[in-house]
Amino acid sequence: MRLVVQRASEASVSVDGEVVGHLASLGLLILVGVTHTDTPDDAAKLAAKVWKLRILADEKSASDVDAPILVVSQFTLYADTRKGRRPSWSAAAPRPVSEPLVEAFVTALRELGATVETGRFGADMAVHLVNDGPVTLVLDSD
């Protein structure tokens, strides 16, 4: 599982012009990609790590200040661009594998106490972000 975690002063995700998820205040926008070997345990471990990461102001974590989180699935995080000009998506898990794991990640965050909104899995989404800092981190389950 691969996460791109961005500290955001504002963020939203829209599908067909309709906002389906947003951050109401300073929080985290998390892009989530899933590969074939990921498990629900990976999702839970990464959720716990993100919830406690001290990347907000004054070295606070999202759990310290109850910062909202916006989660957006993004299979392109597993693009392989080493050969040619056309990315390969073979490392990205197919929908029957990845969708439940993205949901497991969201559920784990909520069980930890996070306020979580999401994009719409598999939809063509427009993501709006004002990256605060800027702070952007990449986390992998392996």
C-alpha atoms as a PDB file:
ATOM      1  CA  MET A   1       0.000   0.000   0.000  1.00  0.00           C
ATOM      2  CA  ARG A   2       1.330   3.417  -0.900  1.00  0.00           C
ATOM      3  CA  LEU A   3       0.136   6.703   0.577  1.00  0.00           C
ATOM      4  CA  VAL A   4       0.842  10.261  -0.452  1.00  0.00           C
ATOM      5  CA  VAL A   5       0.036  12.312   2.644  1.00  0.00           C
ATOM      6  CA  GLN A   6      -0.346  16.053   2.217  1.00  0.00           C
ATOM      7  CA  ARG A   7      -0.973  18.618   4.932  1.00  0.00           C
ATOM      8  CA  ALA A   8      -3.762  20.783   3.547  1.00  0.00           C
ATOM      9  CA  SER A   9      -5.314  24.080   4.543  1.00  0.00           C
ATOM     10  CA  GLU A  10      -8.146  23.150   2.197  1.00  0.00           C
ATOM     11  CA  ALA A  11      -8.981  20.209  -0.038  1.00  0.00           C
ATOM     12  CA  SER A  12     -11.958  18.759  -1.826  1.00  0.00           C
ATOM     13  CA  VAL A  13     -12.775  16.067  -4.337  1.00  0.00           C
ATOM     14  CA  SER A  14     -15.532  16.349  -6.938  1.00  0.00           C
ATOM     15  CA  VAL A  15     -17.183  13.918  -9.311  1.00  0.00           C
ATOM     16  CA  ASP A  16     -19.122  15.348 -12.261  1.00  0.00           C
ATOM     17  CA  GLY A  17     -19.020  18.803 -10.658  1.00  0.00           C
ATOM     18  CA  GLU A  18     -20.435  17.583  -7.315  1.00  0.00           C
ATOM     19  CA  VAL A  19     -18.253  17.820  -4.206  1.00  0.00           C
ATOM     20  CA  VAL A  20     -18.241  14.330  -2.669  1.00  0.00           C
ATOM     21  CA  GLY A  21     -15.645  14.960   0.059  1.00  0.00           C
ATOM     22  CA  HIS A  22     -13.852  17.926   1.590  1.00  0.00           C
ATOM     23  CA  LEU A  23     -11.769  19.151   4.496  1.00  0.00           C
ATOM     24  CA  ALA A  24     -13.656  21.635   6.645  1.00  0.00           C
ATOM     25  CA  SER A  25     -10.429  22.816   8.323  1.00  0.00           C
ATOM     26  CA  LEU A  26      -6.665  22.194   8.332  1.00  0.00           C
ATOM     27  CA  GLY A  27      -6.152  18.466   7.866  1.00  0.00           C
ATOM     28  CA  LEU A  28      -4.672  15.760   5.679  1.00  0.00           C
ATOM     29  CA  LEU A  29      -5.355  14.786   2.093  1.00  0.00           C
ATOM     30  CA  ILE A  30      -4.266  11.177   1.592  1.00  0.00           C
ATOM     31  CA  LEU A  31      -3.968   9.539  -1.823  1.00  0.00           C
ATOM     32  CA  VAL A  32      -4.072   5.746  -1.488  1.00  0.00           C
ATOM     33  CA  GLY A  33      -2.729   3.152  -3.916  1.00  0.00           C
ATOM     34  CA  VAL A  34      -2.949  -0.604  -3.444  1.00  0.00           C
ATOM     35  CA  THR A  35      -0.709  -3.332  -4.859  1.00  0.00           C
ATOM     36  CA  HIS A  36      -1.296  -7.081  -5.142  1.00  0.00           C
ATOM     37  CA  THR A  37       0.409  -8.121  -1.900  1.00  0.00           C
ATOM     38  CA  ASP A  38      -1.365  -5.659   0.413  1.00  0.00           C
ATOM     39  CA  THR A  39      -3.504  -6.919   3.285  1.00  0.00           C
ATOM     40  CA  PRO A  40      -6.049  -5.503   5.736  1.00  0.00           C
ATOM     41  CA  ASP A  41      -3.233  -5.565   8.319  1.00  0.00           C
ATOM     42  CA  ASP A  42      -1.190  -3.224   6.084  1.00  0.00           C
ATOM     43  CA  ALA A  43      -4.181  -0.875   5.879  1.00  0.00           C
ATOM     44  CA  ALA A  44      -4.590  -0.833   9.677  1.00  0.00           C
ATOM     45  CA  LYS A  45      -0.871  -0.256  10.323  1.00  0.00           C
ATOM     46  CA  LEU A  46      -0.682   2.641   7.859  1.00  0.00           C
ATOM     47  CA  ALA A  47      -3.862   4.178   9.283  1.00  0.00           C
ATOM     48  CA  ALA A  48      -2.338   4.099  12.785  1.00  0.00           C
ATOM     49  CA  LYS A  49       0.912   5.595  11.499  1.00  0.00           C
ATOM     50  CA  VAL A  50      -0.805   8.445   9.639  1.00  0.00           C
ATOM     51  CA  TRP A  51      -3.081   9.224  12.593  1.00  0.00           C
ATOM     52  CA  LYS A  52      -0.045   9.718  14.850  1.00  0.00           C
ATOM     53  CA  LEU A  53       2.373  11.362  12.358  1.00  0.00           C
ATOM     54  CA  ARG A  54       3.603  14.652  13.814  1.00  0.00           C
ATOM     55  CA  ILE A  55       3.325  16.747  10.657  1.00  0.00           C
ATOM     56  CA  LEU A  56       0.899  19.454  11.736  1.00  0.00           C
ATOM     57  CA  ALA A  57       1.821  22.787  13.352  1.00  0.00           C
ATOM     58  CA  ASP A  58       3.865  22.601  16.567  1.00  0.00           C
ATOM     59  CA  GLU A  59       4.722  18.941  15.821  1.00  0.00           C
ATOM     60  CA  LYS A  60       1.149  17.851  16.456  1.00  0.00           C
ATOM     61  CA  SER A  61      -0.454  14.826  14.848  1.00  0.00           C
ATOM     62  CA  ALA A  62      -3.954  14.556  13.408  1.00  0.00           C
ATOM     63  CA  SER A  63      -4.907  12.638  16.556  1.00  0.00           C
ATOM     64  CA  ASP A  64      -3.648  15.473  18.788  1.00  0.00           C
ATOM     65  CA  VAL A  65      -5.891  18.107  17.208  1.00  0.00           C
ATOM     66  CA  ASP A  66      -8.652  15.941  15.691  1.00  0.00           C
ATOM     67  CA  ALA A  67      -7.679  17.082  12.192  1.00  0.00           C
ATOM     68  CA  PRO A  68     -10.024  15.893   9.435  1.00  0.00           C
ATOM     69  CA  ILE A  69      -8.782  13.534   6.741  1.00  0.00           C
ATOM     70  CA  LEU A  70      -9.782  13.286   3.092  1.00  0.00           C
ATOM     71  CA  VAL A  71      -8.936   9.921   1.494  1.00  0.00           C
ATOM     72  CA  VAL A  72      -8.811   9.531  -2.287  1.00  0.00           C
ATOM     73  CA  SER A  73      -8.038   6.226  -4.016  1.00  0.00           C
ATOM     74  CA  GLN A  74      -5.395   6.518  -6.724  1.00  0.00           C
ATOM     75  CA  PHE A  75      -4.162   3.418  -8.550  1.00  0.00           C
ATOM     76  CA  THR A  76      -1.654   5.531 -10.496  1.00  0.00           C
ATOM     77  CA  LEU A  77       0.615   5.623  -7.427  1.00  0.00           C
ATOM     78  CA  TYR A  78       1.852   2.218  -8.609  1.00  0.00           C
ATOM     79  CA  ALA A  79       2.714   3.344 -12.139  1.00  0.00           C
ATOM     80  CA  ASP A  80       5.927   1.889 -13.530  1.00  0.00           C
ATOM     81  CA  THR A  81       7.586   4.427 -15.815  1.00  0.00           C
ATOM     82  CA  ARG A  82      11.013   2.804 -16.137  1.00  0.00           C
ATOM     83  CA  LYS A  83      10.486   1.706 -19.750  1.00  0.00           C
ATOM     84  CA  GLY A  84       9.233   3.810 -22.612  1.00  0.00           C
ATOM     85  CA  ARG A  85       6.768   6.650 -22.373  1.00  0.00           C
ATOM     86  CA  ARG A  86       3.630   4.745 -21.483  1.00  0.00           C
ATOM     87  CA  PRO A  87       3.227   3.887 -17.775  1.00  0.00           C
ATOM     88  CA  SER A  88       2.504   0.296 -16.831  1.00  0.00           C
ATOM     89  CA  TRP A  89      -0.234  -0.226 -14.256  1.00  0.00           C
ATOM     90  CA  SER A  90       0.523  -3.913 -13.605  1.00  0.00           C
ATOM     91  CA  ALA A  91       1.700  -3.259 -10.016  1.00  0.00           C
ATOM     92  CA  ALA A  92      -1.659  -1.716  -9.098  1.00  0.00           C
ATOM     93  CA  ALA A  93      -4.134  -4.194  -7.645  1.00  0.00           C
ATOM     94  CA  PRO A  94      -7.417  -4.653  -9.548  1.00  0.00           C
ATOM     95  CA  ARG A  95     -10.623  -3.182  -8.151  1.00  0.00           C
ATOM     96  CA  PRO A  96     -11.824  -6.406  -6.419  1.00  0.00           C
ATOM     97  CA  VAL A  97      -8.601  -6.345  -4.362  1.00  0.00           C
ATOM     98  CA  SER A  98      -7.993  -2.623  -3.967  1.00  0.00           C
ATOM     99  CA  GLU A  99     -11.457  -1.276  -3.182  1.00  0.00           C
ATOM    100  CA  PRO A 100     -11.913  -3.348   0.009  1.00  0.00           C
ATOM    101  CA  LEU A 101      -8.402  -2.390   1.162  1.00  0.00           C
ATOM    102  CA  VAL A 102      -9.017   1.324   0.651  1.00  0.00           C
ATOM    103  CA  GLU A 103     -12.235   0.852   2.636  1.00  0.00           C
ATOM    104  CA  ALA A 104     -10.279  -1.025   5.336  1.00  0.00           C
ATOM    105  CA  PHE A 105      -7.872   1.929   5.550  1.00  0.00           C
ATOM    106  CA  VAL A 106     -10.774   4.394   5.928  1.00  0.00           C
ATOM    107  CA  THR A 107     -12.485   2.165   8.510  1.00  0.00           C
ATOM    108  CA  ALA A 108      -9.265   1.834  10.517  1.00  0.00           C
ATOM    109  CA  LEU A 109      -8.864   5.623  10.591  1.00  0.00           C
ATOM    110  CA  ARG A 110     -12.453   6.043  11.763  1.00  0.00           C
ATOM    111  CA  GLU A 111     -11.990   3.400  14.454  1.00  0.00           C
ATOM    112  CA  LEU A 112      -9.002   5.402  15.718  1.00  0.00           C
ATOM    113  CA  GLY A 113     -11.281   8.431  16.056  1.00  0.00           C
ATOM    114  CA  ALA A 114     -10.601  10.275  12.794  1.00  0.00           C
ATOM    115  CA  THR A 115     -13.200  12.276  10.916  1.00  0.00           C
ATOM    116  CA  VAL A 116     -12.796  10.939   7.384  1.00  0.00           C
ATOM    117  CA  GLU A 117     -14.336  11.912   4.078  1.00  0.00           C
ATOM    118  CA  THR A 118     -13.582  10.146   0.808  1.00  0.00           C
ATOM    119  CA  GLY A 119     -13.615  10.430  -2.917  1.00  0.00           C
ATOM    120  CA  ARG A 120     -15.588   7.941  -5.008  1.00  0.00           C
ATOM    121  CA  PHE A 121     -13.667   4.772  -5.842  1.00  0.00           C
ATOM    122  CA  GLY A 122     -13.044   4.318  -9.569  1.00  0.00           C
ATOM    123  CA  ALA A 123     -14.630   7.629 -10.560  1.00  0.00           C
ATOM    124  CA  ASP A 124     -12.998  10.352 -12.621  1.00  0.00           C
ATOM    125  CA  MET A 125     -12.335  12.774  -9.770  1.00  0.00           C
ATOM    126  CA  ALA A 126     -11.175  16.381  -9.642  1.00  0.00           C
ATOM    127  CA  VAL A 127      -9.046  16.968  -6.549  1.00  0.00           C
ATOM    128  CA  HIS A 128      -8.537  20.510  -5.262  1.00  0.00           C
ATOM    129  CA  LEU A 129      -5.711  21.031  -2.774  1.00  0.00           C
ATOM    130  CA  VAL A 130      -4.024  23.900  -1.015  1.00  0.00           C
ATOM    131  CA  ASN A 131      -0.934  22.171   0.370  1.00  0.00           C
ATOM    132  CA  ASP A 132       0.027  23.757   3.676  1.00  0.00           C
ATOM    133  CA  GLY A 133       3.745  24.160   4.211  1.00  0.00           C
ATOM    134  CA  PRO A 134       4.066  22.541   1.734  1.00  0.00           C
ATOM    135  CA  VAL A 135       4.232  19.190   3.482  1.00  0.00           C
ATOM    136  CA  THR A 136       4.023  16.017   1.389  1.00  0.00           C
ATOM    137  CA  LEU A 137       5.140  12.549   2.506  1.00  0.00           C
ATOM    138  CA  VAL A 138       5.139   9.153   0.814  1.00  0.00           C
ATOM    139  CA  LEU A 139       4.542   6.096   3.010  1.00  0.00           C
ATOM    140  CA  ASP A 140       4.747   2.482   1.876  1.00  0.00           C
ATOM    141  CA  SER A 141       3.520  -0.636   3.642  1.00  0.00           C
ATOM    142  CA  ASP A 142       6.697  -2.577   2.832  1.00  0.00           C
END
